PDB file of N, CA and C in Angstrom:
ATOM      1  N   UNK A   1       0.869  -1.126   0.070  1.00  0.00           N
ATOM      2  CA  UNK A   1      -0.051  -0.046   0.005  1.00  0.00           C
ATOM      3  C   UNK A   1       0.942   1.202  -0.011  1.00  0.00           C
ATOM      4  N   UNK A   2       0.729   2.165  -0.939  1.00  0.00           N
ATOM      5  CA  UNK A   2       1.432   3.458  -1.061  1.00  0.00           C
ATOM      6  C   UNK A   2       0.821   4.403  -0.060  1.00  0.00           C
ATOM      7  N   UNK A   3       1.649   5.000   0.579  1.00  0.00           N
ATOM      8  CA  UNK A   3       1.132   6.156   1.501  1.00  0.00           C
ATOM      9  C   UNK A   3       0.921   7.408   0.850  1.00  0.00           C
ATOM     10  N   UNK A   4      -0.081   8.075   0.945  1.00  0.00           N
ATOM     11  CA  UNK A   4      -0.209   9.492   0.463  1.00  0.00           C
ATOM     12  C   UNK A   4       0.865  10.325   1.020  1.00  0.00           C
ATOM     13  N   UNK A   5       1.212  11.395   0.391  1.00  0.00           N
ATOM     14  CA  UNK A   5       2.339  12.175   0.768  1.00  0.00           C
ATOM     15  C   UNK A   5       1.868  13.416   1.611  1.00  0.00           C
ATOM     16  N   UNK A   6       2.791  14.030   2.188  1.00  0.00           N
ATOM     17  CA  UNK A   6       2.615  15.391   3.048  1.00  0.00           C
ATOM     18  C   UNK A   6       3.564  16.240   2.502  1.00  0.00           C
ATOM     19  N   UNK A   7       3.306  17.449   2.064  1.00  0.00           N
ATOM     20  CA  UNK A   7       4.413  18.347   1.462  1.00  0.00           C
ATOM     21  C   UNK A   7       4.691  19.531   2.490  1.00  0.00           C
ATOM     22  N   UNK A   8       3.712  19.879   3.405  1.00  0.00           N
ATOM     23  CA  UNK A   8       4.109  20.961   4.245  1.00  0.00           C
ATOM     24  C   UNK A   8       3.880  20.657   5.667  1.00  0.00           C
ATOM     25  N   UNK A   9       4.386  21.397   6.600  1.00  0.00           N
ATOM     26  CA  UNK A   9       4.067  21.300   7.966  1.00  0.00           C
ATOM     27  C   UNK A   9       2.605  21.509   8.332  1.00  0.00           C
ATOM     28  N   UNK A  10       1.982  22.396   7.570  1.00  0.00           N
ATOM     29  CA  UNK A  10       0.534  22.615   7.698  1.00  0.00           C
ATOM     30  C   UNK A  10      -0.177  21.410   7.475  1.00  0.00           C
ATOM     31  N   UNK A  11       0.067  20.797   6.284  1.00  0.00           N
ATOM     32  CA  UNK A  11      -0.557  19.661   5.985  1.00  0.00           C
ATOM     33  C   UNK A  11      -0.372  18.494   7.050  1.00  0.00           C
ATOM     34  N   UNK A  12       0.913  18.465   7.621  1.00  0.00           N
ATOM     35  CA  UNK A  12       1.199  17.392   8.820  1.00  0.00           C
ATOM     36  C   UNK A  12       0.336  17.664   9.933  1.00  0.00           C
ATOM     37  N   UNK A  13       0.359  18.983  10.279  1.00  0.00           N
ATOM     38  CA  UNK A  13      -0.505  19.309  11.359  1.00  0.00           C
ATOM     39  C   UNK A  13      -2.088  19.025  11.250  1.00  0.00           C
ATOM     40  N   UNK A  14      -2.502  19.255  10.042  1.00  0.00           N
ATOM     41  CA  UNK A  14      -4.034  18.986   9.638  1.00  0.00           C
ATOM     42  C   UNK A  14      -4.051  17.444   9.881  1.00  0.00           C
ATOM     43  N   UNK A  15      -3.333  16.623   9.165  1.00  0.00           N
ATOM     44  CA  UNK A  15      -3.454  15.140   9.410  1.00  0.00           C
ATOM     45  C   UNK A  15      -3.411  14.716  10.765  1.00  0.00           C
ATOM     46  N   UNK A  16      -2.492  15.172  11.455  1.00  0.00           N
ATOM     47  CA  UNK A  16      -2.371  14.907  12.943  1.00  0.00           C
ATOM     48  C   UNK A  16      -3.664  15.209  13.690  1.00  0.00           C
ATOM     49  N   UNK A  17      -4.125  16.413  13.440  1.00  0.00           N
ATOM     50  CA  UNK A  17      -5.435  16.848  14.119  1.00  0.00           C
ATOM     51  C   UNK A  17      -6.639  15.871  13.725  1.00  0.00           C
ATOM     52  N   UNK A  18      -6.671  15.521  12.431  1.00  0.00           N
ATOM     53  CA  UNK A  18      -7.735  14.596  11.912  1.00  0.00           C
ATOM     54  C   UNK A  18      -7.589  13.261  12.508  1.00  0.00           C
ATOM     55  N   UNK A  19      -6.244  12.693  12.734  1.00  0.00           N
ATOM     56  CA  UNK A  19      -5.989  11.466  13.235  1.00  0.00           C
ATOM     57  C   UNK A  19      -6.384  11.371  14.644  1.00  0.00           C
ATOM     58  N   UNK A  20      -6.068  12.562  15.480  1.00  0.00           N
ATOM     59  CA  UNK A  20      -6.171  12.464  16.893  1.00  0.00           C
ATOM     60  C   UNK A  20      -7.698  12.727  17.351  1.00  0.00           C
ATOM     61  N   UNK A  21      -8.391  13.174  16.542  1.00  0.00           N
ATOM     62  CA  UNK A  21      -9.769  13.491  16.814  1.00  0.00           C
ATOM     63  C   UNK A  21     -10.815  12.709  15.893  1.00  0.00           C
ATOM     64  N   UNK A  22     -11.962  12.363  16.422  1.00  0.00           N
ATOM     65  CA  UNK A  22     -12.983  11.787  15.700  1.00  0.00           C
ATOM     66  C   UNK A  22     -13.490  12.690  14.487  1.00  0.00           C
ATOM     67  N   UNK A  23     -13.689  13.863  14.728  1.00  0.00           N
ATOM     68  CA  UNK A  23     -14.046  14.837  13.648  1.00  0.00           C
ATOM     69  C   UNK A  23     -13.537  16.135  14.122  1.00  0.00           C
ATOM     70  N   UNK A  24     -13.161  16.997  13.051  1.00  0.00           N
ATOM     71  CA  UNK A  24     -12.541  18.273  13.341  1.00  0.00           C
ATOM     72  C   UNK A  24     -13.274  19.285  12.551  1.00  0.00           C
ATOM     73  N   UNK A  25     -13.690  20.337  13.167  1.00  0.00           N
ATOM     74  CA  UNK A  25     -14.459  21.484  12.478  1.00  0.00           C
ATOM     75  C   UNK A  25     -13.379  22.250  11.569  1.00  0.00           C
ATOM     76  N   UNK A  26     -14.013  23.094  10.623  1.00  0.00           N
ATOM     77  CA  UNK A  26     -13.268  23.896   9.863  1.00  0.00           C
ATOM     78  C   UNK A  26     -12.369  24.838  10.614  1.00  0.00           C
ATOM     79  N   UNK A  27     -12.939  25.333  11.689  1.00  0.00           N
ATOM     80  CA  UNK A  27     -12.303  26.369  12.627  1.00  0.00           C
ATOM     81  C   UNK A  27     -11.208  25.635  13.324  1.00  0.00           C
ATOM     82  N   UNK A  28     -11.364  24.401  13.746  1.00  0.00           N
ATOM     83  CA  UNK A  28     -10.237  23.683  14.348  1.00  0.00           C
ATOM     84  C   UNK A  28      -9.187  23.375  13.432  1.00  0.00           C
ATOM     85  N   UNK A  29      -9.349  23.062  12.194  1.00  0.00           N
ATOM     86  CA  UNK A  29      -8.402  22.846  11.172  1.00  0.00           C
ATOM     87  C   UNK A  29      -7.620  24.133  11.007  1.00  0.00           C
ATOM     88  N   UNK A  30      -8.323  25.251  10.865  1.00  0.00           N
ATOM     89  CA  UNK A  30      -7.547  26.546  10.810  1.00  0.00           C
ATOM     90  C   UNK A  30      -6.693  26.821  12.036  1.00  0.00           C
ATOM     91  N   UNK A  31      -7.172  26.535  13.200  1.00  0.00           N
ATOM     92  CA  UNK A  31      -6.376  26.759  14.496  1.00  0.00           C
ATOM     93  C   UNK A  31      -5.244  25.833  14.660  1.00  0.00           C
ATOM     94  N   UNK A  32      -5.448  24.546  14.364  1.00  0.00           N
ATOM     95  CA  UNK A  32      -4.432  23.514  14.727  1.00  0.00           C
ATOM     96  C   UNK A  32      -3.397  23.449  13.518  1.00  0.00           C
ATOM     97  N   UNK A  33      -3.835  23.747  12.207  1.00  0.00           N
ATOM     98  CA  UNK A  33      -2.796  23.723  11.261  1.00  0.00           C
ATOM     99  C   UNK A  33      -2.190  25.075  10.984  1.00  0.00           C
ATOM    100  N   UNK A  34      -2.761  26.139  11.487  1.00  0.00           N
ATOM    101  CA  UNK A  34      -2.205  27.468  11.255  1.00  0.00           C
ATOM    102  C   UNK A  34      -2.487  27.918   9.838  1.00  0.00           C
ATOM    103  N   UNK A  35      -3.783  27.787   9.350  1.00  0.00           N
ATOM    104  CA  UNK A  35      -4.121  28.296   8.188  1.00  0.00           C
ATOM    105  C   UNK A  35      -5.242  29.076   8.267  1.00  0.00           C
ATOM    106  N   UNK A  36      -5.565  29.998   7.268  1.00  0.00           N
ATOM    107  CA  UNK A  36      -6.860  30.895   7.326  1.00  0.00           C
ATOM    108  C   UNK A  36      -7.914  30.199   6.334  1.00  0.00           C
ATOM    109  N   UNK A  37      -7.535  29.230   5.511  1.00  0.00           N
ATOM    110  CA  UNK A  37      -8.518  28.668   4.492  1.00  0.00           C
ATOM    111  C   UNK A  37      -8.454  27.141   4.589  1.00  0.00           C
ATOM    112  N   UNK A  38      -9.246  26.657   5.592  1.00  0.00           N
ATOM    113  CA  UNK A  38      -9.222  25.141   5.823  1.00  0.00           C
ATOM    114  C   UNK A  38      -9.729  24.478   4.656  1.00  0.00           C
ATOM    115  N   UNK A  39     -10.836  24.877   3.928  1.00  0.00           N
ATOM    116  CA  UNK A  39     -11.154  23.996   2.789  1.00  0.00           C
ATOM    117  C   UNK A  39      -9.990  23.894   1.744  1.00  0.00           C
ATOM    118  N   UNK A  40      -9.293  24.935   1.498  1.00  0.00           N
ATOM    119  CA  UNK A  40      -8.265  24.880   0.501  1.00  0.00           C
ATOM    120  C   UNK A  40      -7.085  23.868   1.034  1.00  0.00           C
ATOM    121  N   UNK A  41      -6.839  23.759   2.281  1.00  0.00           N
ATOM    122  CA  UNK A  41      -5.821  22.901   2.795  1.00  0.00           C
ATOM    123  C   UNK A  41      -6.362  21.467   2.710  1.00  0.00           C
ATOM    124  N   UNK A  42      -7.531  21.314   3.057  1.00  0.00           N
ATOM    125  CA  UNK A  42      -8.139  19.919   2.921  1.00  0.00           C
ATOM    126  C   UNK A  42      -8.143  19.558   1.377  1.00  0.00           C
ATOM    127  N   UNK A  43      -8.511  20.420   0.497  1.00  0.00           N
ATOM    128  CA  UNK A  43      -8.494  20.061  -1.080  1.00  0.00           C
ATOM    129  C   UNK A  43      -7.114  19.685  -1.304  1.00  0.00           C
ATOM    130  N   UNK A  44      -6.001  20.315  -0.768  1.00  0.00           N
ATOM    131  CA  UNK A  44      -4.632  19.913  -1.184  1.00  0.00           C
ATOM    132  C   UNK A  44      -4.420  18.596  -0.562  1.00  0.00           C
ATOM    133  N   UNK A  45      -4.820  18.309   0.491  1.00  0.00           N
ATOM    134  CA  UNK A  45      -4.497  16.978   1.081  1.00  0.00           C
ATOM    135  C   UNK A  45      -5.262  15.823   0.229  1.00  0.00           C
ATOM    136  N   UNK A  46      -6.483  16.095  -0.254  1.00  0.00           N
ATOM    137  CA  UNK A  46      -7.301  15.261  -0.968  1.00  0.00           C
ATOM    138  C   UNK A  46      -6.549  15.051  -2.394  1.00  0.00           C
ATOM    139  N   UNK A  47      -5.993  16.078  -2.922  1.00  0.00           N
ATOM    140  CA  UNK A  47      -5.248  15.869  -4.272  1.00  0.00           C
ATOM    141  C   UNK A  47      -4.029  14.863  -4.006  1.00  0.00           C
ATOM    142  N   UNK A  48      -3.563  14.878  -2.788  1.00  0.00           N
ATOM    143  CA  UNK A  48      -2.301  14.102  -2.483  1.00  0.00           C
ATOM    144  C   UNK A  48      -2.670  12.536  -2.209  1.00  0.00           C
ATOM    145  N   UNK A  49      -4.061  12.340  -2.174  1.00  0.00           N
ATOM    146  CA  UNK A  49      -4.459  10.928  -1.946  1.00  0.00           C
ATOM    147  C   UNK A  49      -5.164  10.741  -0.727  1.00  0.00           C
ATOM    148  N   UNK A  50      -5.189  11.768   0.195  1.00  0.00           N
ATOM    149  CA  UNK A  50      -5.842  11.553   1.502  1.00  0.00           C
ATOM    150  C   UNK A  50      -7.393  11.502   1.222  1.00  0.00           C
ATOM    151  N   UNK A  51      -8.130  10.548   1.982  1.00  0.00           N
ATOM    152  CA  UNK A  51      -9.567  10.459   1.922  1.00  0.00           C
ATOM    153  C   UNK A  51     -10.052  11.163   3.155  1.00  0.00           C
ATOM    154  N   UNK A  52     -10.549  12.313   2.888  1.00  0.00           N
ATOM    155  CA  UNK A  52     -11.152  13.178   3.838  1.00  0.00           C
ATOM    156  C   UNK A  52     -12.626  13.491   3.562  1.00  0.00           C
ATOM    157  N   UNK A  53     -13.479  13.225   4.562  1.00  0.00           N
ATOM    158  CA  UNK A  53     -14.928  13.349   4.356  1.00  0.00           C
ATOM    159  C   UNK A  53     -15.307  14.627   5.172  1.00  0.00           C
ATOM    160  N   UNK A  54     -16.251  15.403   4.596  1.00  0.00           N
ATOM    161  CA  UNK A  54     -16.869  16.426   5.115  1.00  0.00           C
ATOM    162  C   UNK A  54     -18.420  16.215   5.366  1.00  0.00           C
ATOM    163  N   UNK A  55     -18.735  16.309   6.581  1.00  0.00           N
ATOM    164  CA  UNK A  55     -20.185  16.230   6.940  1.00  0.00           C
ATOM    165  C   UNK A  55     -20.672  17.633   7.312  1.00  0.00           C
ATOM    166  N   UNK A  56     -21.790  18.207   6.804  1.00  0.00           N
ATOM    167  CA  UNK A  56     -22.268  19.487   7.137  1.00  0.00           C
ATOM    168  C   UNK A  56     -23.470  19.246   8.041  1.00  0.00           C
ATOM    169  N   UNK A  57     -23.448  19.885   9.175  1.00  0.00           N
ATOM    170  CA  UNK A  57     -24.600  19.803  10.105  1.00  0.00           C
ATOM    171  C   UNK A  57     -25.334  21.192  10.102  1.00  0.00           C
ATOM    172  N   UNK A  58     -26.651  21.066  10.181  1.00  0.00           N
ATOM    173  CA  UNK A  58     -27.515  22.294  10.355  1.00  0.00           C
ATOM    174  C   UNK A  58     -27.721  22.515  11.765  1.00  0.00           C
ATOM    175  N   UNK A  59     -27.439  23.737  12.058  1.00  0.00           N
ATOM    176  CA  UNK A  59     -27.625  24.254  13.489  1.00  0.00           C
ATOM    177  C   UNK A  59     -27.894  25.806  13.359  1.00  0.00           C
ATOM    178  N   UNK A  60     -28.033  26.327  14.601  1.00  0.00           N
ATOM    179  CA  UNK A  60     -28.255  27.809  14.671  1.00  0.00           C
ATOM    180  C   UNK A  60     -27.049  28.435  15.411  1.00  0.00           C
ATOM    181  N   UNK A  61     -26.658  29.524  14.850  1.00  0.00           N
ATOM    182  CA  UNK A  61     -25.451  30.226  15.473  1.00  0.00           C
ATOM    183  C   UNK A  61     -26.038  31.055  16.747  1.00  0.00           C
ATOM    184  N   UNK A  62     -25.170  31.756  17.301  1.00  0.00           N
ATOM    185  CA  UNK A  62     -25.493  32.341  18.598  1.00  0.00           C
ATOM    186  C   UNK A  62     -26.515  33.460  18.470  1.00  0.00           C
ATOM    187  N   UNK A  63     -26.677  33.957  17.210  1.00  0.00           N
ATOM    188  CA  UNK A  63     -27.821  34.840  16.923  1.00  0.00           C
ATOM    189  C   UNK A  63     -29.171  34.277  16.437  1.00  0.00           C
ATOM    190  N   UNK A  64     -29.244  32.808  16.452  1.00  0.00           N
ATOM    191  CA  UNK A  64     -30.332  32.222  16.061  1.00  0.00           C
ATOM    192  C   UNK A  64     -30.560  32.029  14.593  1.00  0.00           C
ATOM    193  N   UNK A  65     -29.515  32.339  13.889  1.00  0.00           N
ATOM    194  CA  UNK A  65     -29.579  32.071  12.455  1.00  0.00           C
ATOM    195  C   UNK A  65     -28.997  30.639  11.975  1.00  0.00           C
ATOM    196  N   UNK A  66     -29.753  30.086  10.987  1.00  0.00           N
ATOM    197  CA  UNK A  66     -29.446  28.802  10.654  1.00  0.00           C
ATOM    198  C   UNK A  66     -28.057  28.811   9.900  1.00  0.00           C
ATOM    199  N   UNK A  67     -27.214  27.824  10.121  1.00  0.00           N
ATOM    200  CA  UNK A  67     -25.910  27.794   9.630  1.00  0.00           C
ATOM    201  C   UNK A  67     -25.560  26.225   9.352  1.00  0.00           C
ATOM    202  N   UNK A  68     -24.544  25.974   8.471  1.00  0.00           N
ATOM    203  CA  UNK A  68     -24.169  24.531   8.195  1.00  0.00           C
ATOM    204  C   UNK A  68     -22.673  24.357   8.332  1.00  0.00           C
ATOM    205  N   UNK A  69     -22.230  24.375   9.532  1.00  0.00           N
ATOM    206  CA  UNK A  69     -20.676  24.176   9.642  1.00  0.00           C
ATOM    207  C   UNK A  69     -20.276  22.771   9.072  1.00  0.00           C
ATOM    208  N   UNK A  70     -19.044  22.672   8.571  1.00  0.00           N
ATOM    209  CA  UNK A  70     -18.516  21.433   8.184  1.00  0.00           C
ATOM    210  C   UNK A  70     -17.573  20.832   9.271  1.00  0.00           C
ATOM    211  N   UNK A  71     -17.556  19.559   9.258  1.00  0.00           N
ATOM    212  CA  UNK A  71     -16.744  18.774  10.078  1.00  0.00           C
ATOM    213  C   UNK A  71     -16.040  17.809   9.308  1.00  0.00           C
ATOM    214  N   UNK A  72     -14.654  17.651   9.422  1.00  0.00           N
ATOM    215  CA  UNK A  72     -13.878  16.792   8.633  1.00  0.00           C
ATOM    216  C   UNK A  72     -13.525  15.568   9.440  1.00  0.00           C
ATOM    217  N   UNK A  73     -13.376  14.364   8.726  1.00  0.00           N
ATOM    218  CA  UNK A  73     -12.825  13.226   9.262  1.00  0.00           C
ATOM    219  C   UNK A  73     -12.151  12.329   8.228  1.00  0.00           C
ATOM    220  N   UNK A  74     -11.228  11.600   8.747  1.00  0.00           N
ATOM    221  CA  UNK A  74     -10.509  10.622   7.844  1.00  0.00           C
ATOM    222  C   UNK A  74     -11.316   9.399   7.789  1.00  0.00           C
ATOM    223  N   UNK A  75     -11.286   8.746   6.503  1.00  0.00           N
ATOM    224  CA  UNK A  75     -11.904   7.390   6.336  1.00  0.00           C
ATOM    225  C   UNK A  75     -11.007   6.432   7.081  1.00  0.00           C
ATOM    226  N   UNK A  76     -11.413   5.195   7.275  1.00  0.00           N
ATOM    227  CA  UNK A  76     -10.629   4.260   8.063  1.00  0.00           C
ATOM    228  C   UNK A  76      -9.346   3.883   7.510  1.00  0.00           C
ATOM    229  N   UNK A  77      -9.291   3.863   6.021  1.00  0.00           N
ATOM    230  CA  UNK A  77      -8.049   3.545   5.356  1.00  0.00           C
ATOM    231  C   UNK A  77      -7.099   4.675   5.447  1.00  0.00           C
ATOM    232  N   UNK A  78      -7.636   5.979   5.448  1.00  0.00           N
ATOM    233  CA  UNK A  78      -6.700   7.071   5.549  1.00  0.00           C
ATOM    234  C   UNK A  78      -6.165   7.218   6.999  1.00  0.00           C
ATOM    235  N   UNK A  79      -7.031   6.771   8.026  1.00  0.00           N
ATOM    236  CA  UNK A  79      -6.667   6.805   9.418  1.00  0.00           C
ATOM    237  C   UNK A  79      -5.474   5.894   9.560  1.00  0.00           C
ATOM    238  N   UNK A  80      -5.510   4.721   8.995  1.00  0.00           N
ATOM    239  CA  UNK A  80      -4.382   3.803   9.150  1.00  0.00           C
ATOM    240  C   UNK A  80      -2.998   4.349   8.500  1.00  0.00           C
ATOM    241  N   UNK A  81      -3.234   5.027   7.278  1.00  0.00           N
ATOM    242  CA  UNK A  81      -2.296   5.594   6.631  1.00  0.00           C
ATOM    243  C   UNK A  81      -1.686   6.726   7.333  1.00  0.00           C
ATOM    244  N   UNK A  82      -2.523   7.480   8.032  1.00  0.00           N
ATOM    245  CA  UNK A  82      -2.110   8.654   8.881  1.00  0.00           C
ATOM    246  C   UNK A  82      -1.144   8.228   9.992  1.00  0.00           C
ATOM    247  N   UNK A  83      -1.618   6.987  10.615  1.00  0.00           N
ATOM    248  CA  UNK A  83      -0.833   6.479  11.792  1.00  0.00           C
ATOM    249  C   UNK A  83       0.541   6.104  11.242  1.00  0.00           C
ATOM    250  N   UNK A  84       0.672   5.563  10.121  1.00  0.00           N
ATOM    251  CA  UNK A  84       2.063   5.216   9.585  1.00  0.00           C
ATOM    252  C   UNK A  84       2.902   6.452   9.250  1.00  0.00           C
ATOM    253  N   UNK A  85       2.231   7.447   8.717  1.00  0.00           N
ATOM    254  CA  UNK A  85       2.943   8.683   8.300  1.00  0.00           C
ATOM    255  C   UNK A  85       3.386   9.477   9.577  1.00  0.00           C
ATOM    256  N   UNK A  86       2.594   9.528  10.600  1.00  0.00           N
ATOM    257  CA  UNK A  86       2.864  10.114  11.815  1.00  0.00           C
ATOM    258  C   UNK A  86       3.927   9.506  12.479  1.00  0.00           C
ATOM    259  N   UNK A  87       3.933   8.155  12.584  1.00  0.00           N
ATOM    260  CA  UNK A  87       5.109   7.332  13.186  1.00  0.00           C
ATOM    261  C   UNK A  87       6.335   7.533  12.491  1.00  0.00           C
ATOM    262  N   UNK A  88       6.223   7.681  11.165  1.00  0.00           N
ATOM    263  CA  UNK A  88       7.476   7.816  10.286  1.00  0.00           C
ATOM    264  C   UNK A  88       8.107   9.226  10.613  1.00  0.00           C
ATOM    265  N   UNK A  89       7.200  10.287  10.703  1.00  0.00           N
ATOM    266  CA  UNK A  89       7.672  11.508  11.011  1.00  0.00           C
ATOM    267  C   UNK A  89       8.273  11.720  12.280  1.00  0.00           C
ATOM    268  N   UNK A  90       7.707  11.021  13.323  1.00  0.00           N
ATOM    269  CA  UNK A  90       8.341  11.030  14.590  1.00  0.00           C
ATOM    270  C   UNK A  90       9.667  10.281  14.799  1.00  0.00           C
ATOM    271  N   UNK A  91       9.814   9.078  13.998  1.00  0.00           N
ATOM    272  CA  UNK A  91      11.113   8.516  13.950  1.00  0.00           C
ATOM    273  C   UNK A  91      12.044   9.292  13.244  1.00  0.00           C
ATOM    274  N   UNK A  92      11.716  10.023  12.251  1.00  0.00           N
ATOM    275  CA  UNK A  92      12.666  10.877  11.498  1.00  0.00           C
ATOM    276  C   UNK A  92      13.186  12.005  12.385  1.00  0.00           C
ATOM    277  N   UNK A  93      12.164  12.519  13.268  1.00  0.00           N
ATOM    278  CA  UNK A  93      12.591  13.564  14.044  1.00  0.00           C
ATOM    279  C   UNK A  93      13.484  13.198  15.234  1.00  0.00           C
ATOM    280  N   UNK A  94      13.478  11.954  15.640  1.00  0.00           N
ATOM    281  CA  UNK A  94      14.324  11.277  16.648  1.00  0.00           C
ATOM    282  C   UNK A  94      15.699  11.113  16.046  1.00  0.00           C
ATOM    283  N   UNK A  95      15.826  10.959  14.786  1.00  0.00           N
ATOM    284  CA  UNK A  95      17.181  10.703  13.996  1.00  0.00           C
ATOM    285  C   UNK A  95      17.915  11.980  13.449  1.00  0.00           C
ATOM    286  N   UNK A  96      17.351  13.111  13.897  1.00  0.00           N
ATOM    287  CA  UNK A  96      17.954  14.355  13.347  1.00  0.00           C
ATOM    288  C   UNK A  96      18.604  15.071  14.537  1.00  0.00           C
ATOM    289  N   UNK A  97      19.768  15.426  14.215  1.00  0.00           N
ATOM    290  CA  UNK A  97      20.648  16.364  15.037  1.00  0.00           C
ATOM    291  C   UNK A  97      20.049  17.705  14.894  1.00  0.00           C
ATOM    292  N   UNK A  98      19.369  18.406  15.997  1.00  0.00           N
ATOM    293  CA  UNK A  98      18.734  19.586  15.813  1.00  0.00           C
ATOM    294  C   UNK A  98      19.700  20.710  15.394  1.00  0.00           C
ATOM    295  N   UNK A  99      20.922  20.693  15.641  1.00  0.00           N
ATOM    296  CA  UNK A  99      21.905  21.666  15.277  1.00  0.00           C
ATOM    297  C   UNK A  99      22.382  21.520  13.840  1.00  0.00           C
ATOM    298  N   UNK A 100      22.584  20.321  13.432  1.00  0.00           N
ATOM    299  CA  UNK A 100      23.059  20.088  12.083  1.00  0.00           C
ATOM    300  C   UNK A 100      22.030  19.776  11.032  1.00  0.00           C
ATOM    301  N   UNK A 101      20.692  19.555  11.510  1.00  0.00           N
ATOM    302  CA  UNK A 101      19.565  19.293  10.612  1.00  0.00           C
ATOM    303  C   UNK A 101      19.939  18.151   9.660  1.00  0.00           C
ATOM    304  N   UNK A 102      20.709  17.249  10.160  1.00  0.00           N
ATOM    305  CA  UNK A 102      21.141  15.996   9.321  1.00  0.00           C
ATOM    306  C   UNK A 102      20.737  14.789  10.162  1.00  0.00           C
ATOM    307  N   UNK A 103      20.373  13.596   9.414  1.00  0.00           N
ATOM    308  CA  UNK A 103      20.280  12.345  10.151  1.00  0.00           C
ATOM    309  C   UNK A 103      21.405  12.015  10.906  1.00  0.00           C
ATOM    310  N   UNK A 104      21.192  11.442  12.167  1.00  0.00           N
ATOM    311  CA  UNK A 104      22.219  11.013  12.935  1.00  0.00           C
ATOM    312  C   UNK A 104      22.864   9.689  12.636  1.00  0.00           C
ATOM    313  N   UNK A 105      22.198   8.935  11.721  1.00  0.00           N
ATOM    314  CA  UNK A 105      22.542   7.519  11.365  1.00  0.00           C
ATOM    315  C   UNK A 105      23.930   7.629  10.484  1.00  0.00           C
TER     316      UNK A 105
END
């Protein structure tokens, strides 16, 4: 099985947020990944092969107006892939000399 790629730290933070939570709101993606346009970040991840579903829920905002915020989550297969990618990122970080930015192996 080929793993989808991650090209930026923002994408990695978004995948980690999606992996660590059952569902993540658009606002949470913005906050956790450090972006202003969560849908654009999610679209870039989908283009890289990540299977991310968006469910829209109808609710009322604090002023009583109807709204439909989106909540993102990974499919089961992408959740397994995210686990592998995150483990790989963590092991890579352990093998890097922080001063030299080179693998210690």
